[in-house]
Amino acid sequence: MLRKISALLLSLVILLCGTALAEVTPNGEFPVVDTPTEITIWTSIPGTQTDYTNNATTKYYEEKTGVHVNWIEVADAEKATLFNTSLASASYPDYYMTGVNSTDLISYYEDGVIIPLNDLIDQYSVYLKQLLDENPSVREAITAPDGNIYSFPMVNYIPAQNVDAKIYVYKEWLQKYTEETGKAKPNTAEGLEEMLLYFRDHDMNGNGDPSDEIALTGHYQYNNTGIPVFYMLNGFCYVPNDYFFVGDDGRVCSNVKTDEFREGLRYANKLFNEGLIDEGTFVQSLTTFRSLTTTTKDKVTVAACAAPYPFRVLTMQTGVDNAVEWKDYEVLEPMQRADGTTVVAGISTVYVTTFGMITTACKNPDVVMRWVDSIYSPEMREYLIYGGEEGKGWEWKDGVKSIAGADRAVVSLLDVTERNAIWLPDWVGSWVTEEMYCNNAAESDSAEAPLRVADGKLYDKYLKETGIPRINWCTDQDTTVEFGELNTLFVDYLNTAISEFTLGTRDINDDNVWQEYLNTLDAMGYDHYCDVATSYYFQ
């Protein structure tokens, strides 16, 4: 309790000092300060950027706001470690621009690291306050049990990330398959197998070697989003990429012990035995996987692959003639089940996460609030989503069909291989992808964003949400720790089981082997884990 009171008093002192020191302009105006002001921001660098210091958006936003940012930049791969190092040093920046676990926010406040944002939002926010007023569910989601808001909301309309379990097929080969066989683009277990067999047997790249094509591959990284087996499993039963969901009774559960799940694994094992699933899928990294797909059109070897959206399929190449591009791979529809239904596991196309914290070291929290609030403005949302200033990064073009079907669309003018043109929108935590902006994109644009939106919309028709909340506020430390340990234990075991059943290391057709798998889940405390997970999410 003493620690909470001390942190609260410190926050109030800083708020009062910040108000006195800062010279902010009226809310909603640019620039946000009367005189040039500096703030320090800690953040990680996404793979699409070189840095923030020299980024075009940084220069544009500094001119707009009058605020100069001294960036503390870390590699994304080292983000977790270096974030903890920064916290331990007690030498905090003004603002941590990074995603943060909601359950950690209260601890950071109690430890005197961050300040609550409620009063700052009321006094110095226009666009964020409007967002919260118009979306009470967002305000509720980011409000801690003690009534405080400690982090900014990132509210995304991202249909591409609603369902991870997708399969992409090289479009030219798919067209050849449908034309020569008279068969439709597959959306059933039988159809997928027939298409992959065709790819295996017909020297698709025409180099005289019928054995160098890879019918179906993927990678093990990023929460199973590169494992094609999950696409197949949803053709038999409901299986999220992390296995668990909320049942009709409100309890966390899964289908990993069902006969339908076993049938899905039987199917995957059959495809592997037929040489249709690349063994490297379960051991290769995203980098290794992309080294197979990132090629020229005369040297294609990968017929189909697992990916949540086109960006994961391959890396765009600069100055390479005849290079394979994102649009050269086409997404398959979800797999239809034997009863004729199609259901895929995923999350809502609109979801909320906590992002960004103002620290107790910040002398001008009002300036930081105005700086962050302006990212939520319609002007900056348009800038980040479309890719810069109109006429430079994008333009309206008549006679071009948009994703929504209009005869006028936004067309990107950016070089898709340019790494440092703009900030990655969801890396700065803004309300980044409202449906309106997505619908305005050109349907035929070679940029990745319109493709991922269109693919996401296709899957959204079949989506059943897992019911697992994006933000939870479990304040019981024992439950939080136990959930974390058990979740890692079960997901790791199930990941191993899926790969071994698919590859035949464990015989999915052997009843004794299957029973041993079930017994192991029970011995690990499967039912207890479901109870703990339910408490963790819904206490």
Protein backbone atom coordinates (compact mmCIF):
# COMPACT_ATOMS: atom_id res chain seq x y z
CA MET A 1 0.00 0.00 0.00
CA LEU A 2 2.87 2.39 0.85
CA ARG A 3 4.39 1.74 -2.56
CA LYS A 4 1.06 2.59 -4.26
CA ILE A 5 0.70 5.85 -2.29
CA SER A 6 4.28 6.88 -3.06
CA ALA A 7 3.81 6.21 -6.76
CA LEU A 8 0.53 8.17 -6.79
CA LEU A 9 2.10 11.18 -5.05
CA LEU A 10 5.03 11.12 -7.44
CA SER A 11 2.67 10.99 -10.40
CA LEU A 12 0.71 13.99 -9.11
CA VAL A 13 3.87 16.01 -8.56
CA ILE A 14 5.08 15.28 -12.06
CA LEU A 15 1.71 16.13 -13.55
CA LEU A 16 1.69 19.49 -11.77
CA CYS A 17 5.26 20.26 -12.77
CA GLY A 18 4.62 19.15 -16.32
CA THR A 19 1.65 21.47 -16.62
CA ALA A 20 3.71 24.39 -15.38
CA LEU A 21 6.74 23.71 -17.56
CA ALA A 22 5.07 22.78 -20.82
CA GLU A 23 3.97 25.33 -23.39
CA VAL A 24 1.32 23.41 -25.28
CA THR A 25 -0.99 24.95 -27.84
CA PRO A 26 -4.79 24.60 -27.68
CA ASN A 27 -5.89 20.99 -27.98
CA GLY A 28 -6.18 19.67 -31.50
CA GLU A 29 -3.90 22.23 -33.09
CA PHE A 30 -0.59 21.84 -34.89
CA PRO A 31 2.09 22.41 -33.73
CA VAL A 32 1.38 21.03 -30.29
CA VAL A 33 3.87 23.38 -28.57
CA ASP A 34 4.54 27.12 -28.85
CA THR A 35 8.30 26.68 -28.78
CA PRO A 36 10.42 23.72 -29.96
CA THR A 37 10.47 21.00 -27.31
CA GLU A 38 12.40 17.77 -26.97
CA ILE A 39 11.21 14.43 -25.60
CA THR A 40 12.92 11.06 -25.29
CA ILE A 41 11.26 7.92 -26.63
CA TRP A 42 12.37 4.31 -26.23
CA THR A 43 11.22 1.97 -28.99
CA SER A 44 12.15 -1.01 -31.13
CA ILE A 45 12.65 -0.93 -34.89
CA PRO A 46 10.36 -3.02 -37.10
CA GLY A 47 11.81 -4.99 -39.97
CA THR A 48 10.31 -2.59 -42.52
CA GLN A 49 12.35 0.33 -41.18
CA THR A 50 16.03 1.20 -40.89
CA ASP A 51 15.59 3.58 -37.98
CA TYR A 52 13.36 6.31 -36.57
CA THR A 53 15.90 9.10 -36.42
CA ASN A 54 16.16 9.45 -40.19
CA ASN A 55 12.71 8.20 -41.09
CA ALA A 56 10.62 10.37 -43.41
CA THR A 57 7.66 10.24 -41.03
CA THR A 58 9.83 11.43 -38.14
CA LYS A 59 10.87 14.51 -40.08
CA TYR A 60 7.30 15.18 -41.22
CA TYR A 61 5.86 14.74 -37.72
CA GLU A 62 8.49 16.96 -36.11
CA GLU A 63 7.56 19.75 -38.51
CA LYS A 64 3.87 19.22 -37.73
CA THR A 65 4.17 19.02 -33.94
CA GLY A 66 7.21 21.17 -33.15
CA VAL A 67 8.46 18.33 -30.95
CA HIS A 68 11.91 16.88 -31.52
CA VAL A 69 12.31 13.26 -30.45
CA ASN A 70 15.55 11.87 -29.12
CA TRP A 71 15.12 8.23 -30.01
CA ILE A 72 16.45 5.30 -28.02
CA GLU A 73 16.23 2.57 -30.65
CA VAL A 74 16.71 -1.14 -30.11
CA ALA A 75 16.49 -4.09 -32.48
CA ASP A 76 13.12 -5.79 -32.34
CA ALA A 77 14.75 -9.17 -31.69
CA GLU A 78 16.30 -7.76 -28.50
CA LYS A 79 13.28 -5.73 -27.43
CA ALA A 80 12.21 -7.84 -24.44
CA THR A 81 15.69 -8.08 -22.95
CA LEU A 82 16.60 -4.43 -23.44
CA PHE A 83 13.21 -3.25 -22.21
CA ASN A 84 13.79 -5.06 -18.92
CA THR A 85 17.29 -3.61 -18.79
CA SER A 86 15.87 -0.12 -19.19
CA LEU A 87 13.33 -0.71 -16.43
CA ALA A 88 16.02 -2.02 -14.08
CA SER A 89 18.29 0.96 -14.74
CA ALA A 90 15.70 3.42 -13.39
CA SER A 91 16.91 5.78 -16.12
CA TYR A 92 13.62 5.99 -17.91
CA PRO A 93 12.78 7.82 -21.14
CA ASP A 94 9.79 10.15 -21.26
CA TYR A 95 7.80 7.60 -23.19
CA TYR A 96 8.05 3.87 -23.88
CA MET A 97 6.62 3.45 -27.38
CA THR A 98 6.10 -0.29 -27.29
CA GLY A 99 3.44 -2.90 -26.72
CA VAL A 100 3.04 -3.86 -23.09
CA ASN A 101 1.29 -6.67 -21.27
CA SER A 102 -1.73 -5.28 -19.46
CA THR A 103 -1.04 -7.34 -16.36
CA ASP A 104 2.39 -5.69 -16.04
CA LEU A 105 1.04 -2.15 -16.13
CA ILE A 106 -0.18 -2.14 -12.53
CA SER A 107 3.21 -3.42 -11.37
CA TYR A 108 5.01 -0.71 -13.33
CA TYR A 109 2.77 1.89 -11.66
CA GLU A 110 3.29 0.46 -8.19
CA ASP A 111 7.04 0.39 -8.81
CA GLY A 112 7.06 4.07 -9.71
CA VAL A 113 7.86 3.58 -13.41
CA ILE A 114 4.76 4.99 -15.09
CA ILE A 115 1.96 7.47 -14.41
CA PRO A 116 -1.81 7.12 -14.92
CA LEU A 117 -3.20 8.84 -18.00
CA ASN A 118 -6.78 9.63 -16.98
CA ASP A 119 -6.29 13.33 -16.19
CA LEU A 120 -3.92 13.85 -19.11
CA ILE A 121 -6.49 12.38 -21.50
CA ASP A 122 -9.22 14.65 -20.12
CA GLN A 123 -7.07 17.81 -20.20
CA TYR A 124 -4.85 17.42 -23.25
CA SER A 125 -6.39 14.86 -25.58
CA VAL A 126 -8.84 15.47 -28.41
CA TYR A 127 -8.63 12.50 -30.75
CA LEU A 128 -7.98 9.81 -28.16
CA LYS A 129 -10.73 11.18 -25.92
CA GLN A 130 -13.12 11.12 -28.88
CA LEU A 131 -12.12 7.53 -29.61
CA LEU A 132 -12.82 6.48 -26.03
CA ASP A 133 -16.08 8.41 -25.82
CA GLU A 134 -17.37 6.87 -29.06
CA ASN A 135 -16.17 3.38 -28.16
CA PRO A 136 -16.96 2.62 -24.50
CA SER A 137 -15.76 -0.96 -24.97
CA VAL A 138 -12.28 0.37 -25.78
CA ARG A 139 -12.24 2.53 -22.65
CA GLU A 140 -13.41 -0.43 -20.59
CA ALA A 141 -10.76 -2.71 -22.10
CA ILE A 142 -7.82 -0.42 -21.27
CA THR A 143 -9.03 0.57 -17.81
CA ALA A 144 -7.37 -1.33 -14.96
CA PRO A 145 -9.40 -2.68 -12.03
CA ASP A 146 -8.33 0.33 -9.94
CA GLY A 147 -10.02 2.67 -12.44
CA ASN A 148 -6.80 4.02 -13.95
CA ILE A 149 -5.68 4.02 -17.57
CA TYR A 150 -1.96 3.34 -17.73
CA SER A 151 -1.43 2.76 -21.43
CA PHE A 152 -2.71 4.01 -24.76
CA PRO A 153 -5.02 1.80 -26.81
CA MET A 154 -4.06 0.37 -30.15
CA VAL A 155 -7.38 -0.29 -31.85
CA ASN A 156 -6.96 -2.04 -35.16
CA TYR A 157 -9.24 -3.06 -37.94
CA ILE A 158 -6.98 -5.71 -39.43
CA PRO A 159 -8.87 -8.41 -41.27
CA ALA A 160 -5.59 -9.94 -42.41
CA GLN A 161 -4.73 -10.91 -38.86
CA ASN A 162 -8.11 -12.28 -37.83
CA VAL A 163 -7.17 -15.78 -39.01
CA ASP A 164 -3.59 -17.06 -39.10
CA ALA A 165 -4.16 -20.47 -40.68
CA LYS A 166 -4.02 -19.69 -44.41
CA ILE A 167 -2.35 -21.33 -47.41
CA TYR A 168 -1.00 -19.41 -50.39
CA VAL A 169 -0.48 -20.96 -53.83
CA TYR A 170 1.73 -19.76 -56.68
CA LYS A 171 -0.90 -18.23 -58.95
CA GLU A 172 0.57 -19.26 -62.31
CA TRP A 173 0.78 -22.91 -61.27
CA LEU A 174 -2.71 -22.81 -59.75
CA GLN A 175 -4.09 -21.48 -63.02
CA LYS A 176 -2.28 -24.20 -64.97
CA TYR A 177 -3.71 -26.84 -62.63
CA THR A 178 -7.29 -25.64 -62.99
CA GLU A 179 -7.05 -25.25 -66.78
CA GLU A 180 -5.44 -28.63 -67.47
CA THR A 181 -7.54 -30.66 -65.03
CA GLY A 182 -10.81 -28.76 -65.25
CA LYS A 183 -10.94 -28.77 -61.46
CA ALA A 184 -11.77 -25.77 -59.35
CA LYS A 185 -9.51 -23.99 -56.94
CA PRO A 186 -9.55 -26.40 -53.97
CA ASN A 187 -11.41 -25.77 -50.74
CA THR A 188 -11.77 -29.36 -49.49
CA ALA A 189 -9.37 -31.95 -48.12
CA GLU A 190 -9.70 -34.02 -51.28
CA GLY A 191 -9.22 -31.02 -53.53
CA LEU A 192 -6.11 -29.83 -51.70
CA GLU A 193 -4.53 -33.26 -51.95
CA GLU A 194 -5.29 -33.51 -55.69
CA MET A 195 -3.76 -30.11 -56.38
CA LEU A 196 -0.60 -30.84 -54.40
CA LEU A 197 -0.19 -34.21 -56.13
CA TYR A 198 -0.41 -32.41 -59.47
CA PHE A 199 2.30 -29.98 -58.40
CA ARG A 200 4.47 -32.87 -57.24
CA ASP A 201 4.22 -34.80 -60.51
CA HIS A 202 4.26 -32.23 -63.31
CA ASP A 203 7.63 -30.42 -63.28
CA MET A 204 5.82 -27.13 -62.71
CA ASN A 205 8.88 -24.91 -63.20
CA GLY A 206 9.78 -26.70 -66.43
CA ASN A 207 13.45 -27.17 -65.68
CA GLY A 208 13.45 -30.87 -66.52
CA ASP A 209 13.67 -31.95 -62.88
CA PRO A 210 10.23 -33.11 -61.63
CA SER A 211 11.57 -33.59 -58.11
CA ASP A 212 12.75 -30.08 -57.18
CA GLU A 213 9.29 -28.56 -56.62
CA ILE A 214 8.13 -28.20 -53.02
CA ALA A 215 4.41 -28.88 -52.97
CA LEU A 216 3.71 -27.34 -49.54
CA THR A 217 6.00 -25.79 -46.95
CA GLY A 218 6.18 -23.26 -44.13
CA HIS A 219 8.17 -22.41 -41.00
CA TYR A 220 7.96 -22.88 -37.24
CA GLN A 221 8.15 -19.26 -36.06
CA TYR A 222 5.45 -16.79 -34.97
CA ASN A 223 2.87 -18.80 -33.10
CA ASN A 224 2.43 -21.57 -35.68
CA THR A 225 1.34 -19.11 -38.40
CA GLY A 226 3.74 -20.85 -40.79
CA ILE A 227 2.55 -24.40 -40.08
CA PRO A 228 0.12 -25.54 -42.83
CA VAL A 229 -1.31 -28.31 -40.65
CA PHE A 230 -3.48 -25.75 -38.84
CA TYR A 231 -5.21 -24.88 -42.11
CA MET A 232 -5.99 -28.58 -42.49
CA LEU A 233 -7.08 -29.13 -38.89
CA ASN A 234 -9.78 -26.46 -39.18
CA GLY A 235 -11.22 -28.55 -41.99
CA PHE A 236 -12.02 -31.19 -39.36
CA CYS A 237 -12.64 -29.24 -36.14
CA TYR A 238 -12.12 -25.86 -34.53
CA VAL A 239 -8.40 -25.34 -33.79
CA PRO A 240 -6.81 -21.92 -33.10
CA ASN A 241 -3.07 -21.66 -33.70
CA ASP A 242 -2.51 -21.71 -29.94
CA TYR A 243 -5.14 -24.46 -29.52
CA PHE A 244 -7.39 -23.01 -26.79
CA PHE A 245 -10.68 -21.11 -26.95
CA VAL A 246 -13.69 -20.27 -24.79
CA GLY A 247 -16.45 -22.87 -24.92
CA ASP A 248 -20.18 -22.28 -24.78
CA ASP A 249 -20.05 -22.70 -21.00
CA GLY A 250 -17.55 -19.83 -20.65
CA ARG A 251 -14.67 -22.15 -19.79
CA VAL A 252 -11.36 -22.26 -21.64
CA CYS A 253 -11.04 -25.54 -23.53
CA SER A 254 -9.71 -27.08 -26.76
CA ASN A 255 -10.37 -29.85 -29.28
CA VAL A 256 -6.96 -31.47 -29.02
CA LYS A 257 -8.39 -34.64 -27.43
CA THR A 258 -11.20 -35.19 -29.93
CA ASP A 259 -11.59 -37.78 -32.68
CA GLU A 260 -11.95 -34.95 -35.22
CA PHE A 261 -8.57 -33.55 -34.23
CA ARG A 262 -7.07 -37.00 -34.72
CA GLU A 263 -8.67 -37.26 -38.17
CA GLY A 264 -7.11 -33.95 -39.12
CA LEU A 265 -3.70 -35.25 -38.08
CA ARG A 266 -4.31 -38.46 -40.05
CA TYR A 267 -4.93 -36.33 -43.11
CA ALA A 268 -1.76 -34.29 -42.55
CA ASN A 269 0.28 -37.45 -42.07
CA LYS A 270 -1.13 -38.88 -45.31
CA LEU A 271 -0.04 -35.79 -47.22
CA PHE A 272 3.43 -36.01 -45.70
CA ASN A 273 3.76 -39.69 -46.62
CA GLU A 274 2.84 -38.76 -50.18
CA GLY A 275 5.68 -36.24 -50.26
CA LEU A 276 3.34 -33.25 -50.26
CA ILE A 277 4.42 -31.53 -47.02
CA ASP A 278 8.03 -30.42 -46.77
CA GLU A 279 9.73 -31.85 -43.68
CA GLY A 280 11.63 -28.59 -43.25
CA THR A 281 8.35 -26.87 -42.35
CA PHE A 282 8.73 -27.84 -38.69
CA VAL A 283 12.39 -26.85 -38.26
CA GLN A 284 13.19 -23.97 -40.61
CA SER A 285 13.05 -20.32 -39.64
CA LEU A 286 11.13 -17.62 -41.45
CA THR A 287 14.40 -16.47 -43.01
CA THR A 288 15.16 -19.92 -44.38
CA PHE A 289 11.59 -20.29 -45.61
CA ARG A 290 11.73 -16.96 -47.42
CA SER A 291 15.00 -17.96 -49.05
CA LEU A 292 12.95 -20.60 -50.88
CA THR A 293 10.13 -18.29 -51.97
CA THR A 294 12.12 -15.13 -52.70
CA THR A 295 13.25 -15.84 -56.24
CA THR A 296 12.61 -15.05 -59.89
CA LYS A 297 9.69 -16.43 -61.88
CA ASP A 298 11.92 -18.78 -63.88
CA LYS A 299 13.25 -20.42 -60.72
CA VAL A 300 10.15 -20.95 -58.59
CA THR A 301 10.19 -24.11 -56.49
CA VAL A 302 7.52 -23.48 -53.81
CA ALA A 303 4.04 -24.33 -55.07
CA ALA A 304 2.17 -23.59 -51.85
CA CYS A 305 2.99 -22.38 -48.37
CA ALA A 306 1.43 -21.44 -45.05
CA ALA A 307 1.26 -17.75 -44.13
CA PRO A 308 -1.18 -15.43 -42.34
CA TYR A 309 -0.84 -12.75 -45.04
CA PRO A 310 1.25 -12.04 -48.19
CA PHE A 311 4.10 -10.21 -46.41
CA ARG A 312 5.09 -13.45 -44.70
CA VAL A 313 5.25 -15.33 -47.99
CA LEU A 314 8.37 -13.70 -49.39
CA THR A 315 10.70 -10.73 -49.28
CA MET A 316 10.34 -8.09 -51.98
CA GLN A 317 13.49 -7.69 -54.09
CA THR A 318 15.02 -4.43 -55.21
CA GLY A 319 16.22 -4.11 -58.80
CA VAL A 320 15.66 -7.77 -59.66
CA ASP A 321 14.14 -8.45 -63.06
CA ASN A 322 11.28 -10.93 -63.23
CA ALA A 323 11.15 -11.19 -59.44
CA VAL A 324 8.34 -13.05 -57.71
CA GLU A 325 6.07 -10.58 -55.90
CA TRP A 326 3.40 -10.85 -53.20
CA LYS A 327 0.60 -10.77 -55.75
CA ASP A 328 2.06 -13.84 -57.50
CA TYR A 329 0.80 -16.03 -54.64
CA GLU A 330 -2.95 -16.42 -54.18
CA VAL A 331 -4.72 -17.39 -50.97
CA LEU A 332 -6.91 -20.49 -50.82
CA GLU A 333 -10.33 -20.36 -49.24
CA PRO A 334 -10.63 -22.16 -45.88
CA MET A 335 -11.04 -25.91 -46.02
CA GLN A 336 -14.66 -27.08 -46.04
CA ARG A 337 -15.57 -29.83 -43.60
CA ALA A 338 -17.22 -33.12 -44.48
CA ASP A 339 -20.64 -31.81 -43.42
CA GLY A 340 -20.35 -28.92 -45.89
CA THR A 341 -19.69 -26.23 -43.30
CA THR A 342 -16.65 -23.95 -43.27
CA VAL A 343 -15.45 -22.53 -39.96
CA VAL A 344 -12.05 -21.10 -39.09
CA ALA A 345 -10.63 -20.13 -35.72
CA GLY A 346 -9.48 -16.59 -35.14
CA ILE A 347 -9.98 -13.27 -33.41
CA SER A 348 -12.14 -10.24 -34.12
CA THR A 349 -11.15 -8.08 -37.07
CA VAL A 350 -11.27 -5.16 -34.62
CA TYR A 351 -9.17 -5.71 -31.53
CA VAL A 352 -7.68 -3.66 -28.74
CA THR A 353 -4.22 -3.89 -27.20
CA THR A 354 -2.30 -1.74 -24.71
CA PHE A 355 0.55 0.26 -26.19
CA GLY A 356 2.86 2.93 -24.84
CA MET A 357 3.51 4.37 -21.36
CA ILE A 358 4.47 7.81 -20.03
CA THR A 359 7.06 7.44 -17.30
CA THR A 360 7.61 9.17 -13.99
CA ALA A 361 10.81 10.66 -15.46
CA CYS A 362 8.80 12.74 -17.93
CA LYS A 363 8.94 16.45 -17.08
CA ASN A 364 6.36 17.40 -19.70
CA PRO A 365 3.70 14.68 -19.74
CA ASP A 366 1.24 17.13 -21.30
CA VAL A 367 3.55 17.49 -24.32
CA VAL A 368 3.89 13.73 -24.65
CA MET A 369 0.12 13.35 -24.40
CA ARG A 370 -0.40 15.94 -27.15
CA TRP A 371 2.31 14.26 -29.27
CA VAL A 372 0.70 10.81 -28.93
CA ASP A 373 -2.84 12.16 -29.24
CA SER A 374 -2.01 13.72 -32.60
CA ILE A 375 -1.09 10.30 -33.99
CA TYR A 376 -4.77 9.41 -33.50
CA SER A 377 -5.84 12.43 -35.59
CA PRO A 378 -7.52 11.81 -38.96
CA GLU A 379 -4.63 13.57 -40.71
CA MET A 380 -1.98 11.30 -39.24
CA ARG A 381 -4.08 8.16 -39.59
CA GLU A 382 -4.42 8.93 -43.27
CA TYR A 383 -0.70 9.67 -43.53
CA LEU A 384 0.35 6.40 -41.89
CA ILE A 385 -2.21 4.14 -43.52
CA TYR A 386 -1.94 5.45 -47.07
CA GLY A 387 1.82 5.92 -46.90
CA GLY A 388 2.77 9.57 -46.52
CA GLU A 389 1.50 12.81 -47.97
CA GLU A 390 -1.05 12.89 -50.78
CA GLY A 391 0.72 13.35 -54.09
CA LYS A 392 3.98 12.00 -52.70
CA GLY A 393 3.17 8.71 -51.04
CA TRP A 394 -0.24 8.07 -52.57
CA GLU A 395 -2.95 9.52 -54.79
CA TRP A 396 -6.61 9.10 -55.66
CA LYS A 397 -7.05 7.55 -59.10
CA ASP A 398 -10.28 7.37 -61.07
CA GLY A 399 -11.13 4.27 -63.06
CA VAL A 400 -9.38 2.00 -60.60
CA LYS A 401 -11.49 -0.48 -58.67
CA SER A 402 -11.16 -0.28 -54.90
CA ILE A 403 -11.42 -3.15 -52.46
CA ALA A 404 -14.95 -1.93 -51.67
CA GLY A 405 -15.84 -2.05 -55.39
CA ALA A 406 -15.83 1.68 -56.11
CA ASP A 407 -14.44 3.06 -59.39
CA ARG A 408 -12.02 5.31 -57.55
CA ALA A 409 -9.24 4.13 -55.29
CA VAL A 410 -6.13 5.15 -53.39
CA VAL A 411 -3.00 4.06 -55.25
CA SER A 412 0.39 3.92 -53.56
CA LEU A 413 3.25 5.91 -55.06
CA LEU A 414 5.83 4.46 -52.69
CA ASP A 415 8.59 2.09 -53.68
CA VAL A 416 7.55 -1.09 -51.82
CA THR A 417 11.21 -1.95 -51.28
CA GLU A 418 11.94 1.37 -49.52
CA ARG A 419 12.60 0.50 -45.89
CA ASN A 420 12.53 3.90 -44.27
CA ALA A 421 9.72 5.81 -45.98
CA ILE A 422 7.15 5.83 -43.17
CA TRP A 423 6.59 4.52 -39.69
CA LEU A 424 4.91 1.15 -39.55
CA PRO A 425 1.43 2.23 -38.35
CA ASP A 426 0.82 -0.46 -35.75
CA TRP A 427 4.35 0.04 -34.38
CA VAL A 428 3.42 3.46 -32.98
CA GLY A 429 0.15 2.36 -31.44
CA SER A 430 -2.27 4.57 -33.32
CA TRP A 431 -5.80 3.72 -34.42
CA VAL A 432 -4.33 2.59 -37.68
CA THR A 433 -6.59 0.61 -39.94
CA GLU A 434 -10.20 1.64 -39.88
CA GLU A 435 -12.33 -0.19 -42.41
CA MET A 436 -12.86 2.98 -44.44
CA TYR A 437 -9.16 3.30 -45.19
CA CYS A 438 -8.86 -0.37 -46.12
CA ASN A 439 -11.83 -0.21 -48.45
CA ASN A 440 -10.33 2.74 -50.33
CA ALA A 441 -7.23 0.79 -51.35
CA ALA A 442 -6.92 -0.33 -54.97
CA GLU A 443 -7.88 -3.95 -55.52
CA SER A 444 -5.06 -4.46 -58.05
CA ASP A 445 -2.39 -2.53 -56.15
CA SER A 446 0.89 -4.43 -56.00
CA ALA A 447 1.46 -3.13 -52.49
CA GLU A 448 0.96 -5.72 -49.79
CA ALA A 449 -1.66 -3.88 -47.72
CA PRO A 450 -4.58 -4.18 -50.18
CA LEU A 451 -3.77 -7.84 -50.71
CA ARG A 452 -3.80 -8.64 -47.01
CA VAL A 453 -7.07 -6.76 -46.54
CA ALA A 454 -8.76 -8.63 -49.38
CA ASP A 455 -7.47 -11.97 -48.11
CA GLY A 456 -8.59 -11.16 -44.58
CA LYS A 457 -12.06 -10.22 -45.75
CA LEU A 458 -12.33 -13.56 -47.51
CA TYR A 459 -11.58 -15.43 -44.29
CA ASP A 460 -13.71 -13.13 -42.18
CA LYS A 461 -16.82 -14.68 -43.75
CA TYR A 462 -15.99 -17.98 -42.07
CA LEU A 463 -14.56 -16.67 -38.80
CA LYS A 464 -15.57 -17.93 -35.38
CA GLU A 465 -13.83 -15.95 -32.66
CA THR A 466 -11.93 -17.79 -29.93
CA GLY A 467 -13.45 -15.68 -27.18
CA ILE A 468 -10.04 -15.21 -25.55
CA PRO A 469 -9.85 -11.51 -24.54
CA ARG A 470 -7.05 -9.45 -26.01
CA ILE A 471 -6.65 -7.59 -22.72
CA ASN A 472 -7.10 -9.10 -19.30
CA TRP A 473 -6.36 -7.71 -15.87
CA CYS A 474 -5.52 -10.69 -13.71
CA THR A 475 -4.27 -9.20 -10.45
CA ASP A 476 -3.57 -12.51 -8.76
CA GLN A 477 0.17 -13.01 -9.14
CA ASP A 478 0.01 -16.73 -8.37
CA THR A 479 -2.60 -17.29 -11.08
CA THR A 480 -0.62 -15.21 -13.57
CA VAL A 481 2.59 -17.12 -12.93
CA GLU A 482 0.89 -20.50 -13.00
CA PHE A 483 -0.96 -19.68 -16.20
CA GLY A 484 2.24 -18.59 -17.90
CA GLU A 485 4.06 -21.75 -16.92
CA LEU A 486 1.22 -24.10 -17.84
CA ASN A 487 0.48 -22.33 -21.10
CA THR A 488 4.09 -22.71 -22.23
CA LEU A 489 4.10 -26.34 -21.13
CA PHE A 490 0.95 -27.32 -23.02
CA VAL A 491 1.58 -25.31 -26.18
CA ASP A 492 5.12 -26.72 -26.45
CA TYR A 493 3.85 -30.26 -25.95
CA LEU A 494 1.06 -29.87 -28.48
CA ASN A 495 3.42 -28.28 -31.03
CA THR A 496 5.73 -31.27 -30.68
CA ALA A 497 2.85 -33.73 -30.92
CA ILE A 498 1.51 -32.14 -34.11
CA SER A 499 4.88 -32.24 -35.84
CA GLU A 500 5.56 -35.83 -34.74
CA PHE A 501 2.13 -37.13 -35.74
CA THR A 502 2.41 -35.38 -39.11
CA LEU A 503 5.92 -36.67 -39.79
CA GLY A 504 5.08 -40.17 -38.57
CA THR A 505 7.50 -40.14 -35.63
CA ARG A 506 4.39 -41.02 -33.68
CA ASP A 507 1.93 -43.26 -35.50
CA ILE A 508 -1.39 -41.43 -35.60
CA ASN A 509 -3.12 -44.65 -36.69
CA ASP A 510 -1.92 -46.61 -33.65
CA ASP A 511 -4.63 -46.52 -30.97
CA ASN A 512 -2.08 -47.18 -28.24
CA VAL A 513 0.08 -44.28 -29.34
CA TRP A 514 -2.94 -41.99 -29.46
CA GLN A 515 -4.03 -43.12 -26.00
CA GLU A 516 -0.54 -42.44 -24.70
CA TYR A 517 -0.82 -38.90 -26.08
CA LEU A 518 -4.17 -38.44 -24.29
CA ASN A 519 -2.80 -39.90 -21.06
CA THR A 520 0.13 -37.50 -21.17
CA LEU A 521 -2.20 -34.51 -21.49
CA ASP A 522 -4.16 -35.73 -18.47
CA ALA A 523 -0.99 -36.38 -16.47
CA MET A 524 0.22 -32.85 -17.27
CA GLY A 525 -3.00 -31.53 -15.71
CA TYR A 526 -5.03 -30.62 -18.79
CA ASP A 527 -8.29 -29.99 -16.88
CA HIS A 528 -6.45 -27.99 -14.23
CA TYR A 529 -4.84 -25.84 -16.93
CA CYS A 530 -8.26 -25.08 -18.42
CA ASP A 531 -9.47 -23.99 -14.97
CA VAL A 532 -6.40 -21.79 -14.42
CA ALA A 533 -6.74 -20.25 -17.88
CA THR A 534 -10.40 -19.49 -17.20
CA SER A 535 -9.49 -17.77 -13.94
CA TYR A 536 -6.66 -15.89 -15.60
CA TYR A 537 -8.86 -14.45 -18.33
CA PHE A 538 -12.16 -14.06 -16.49
CA GLN A 539 -11.54 -13.72 -12.76
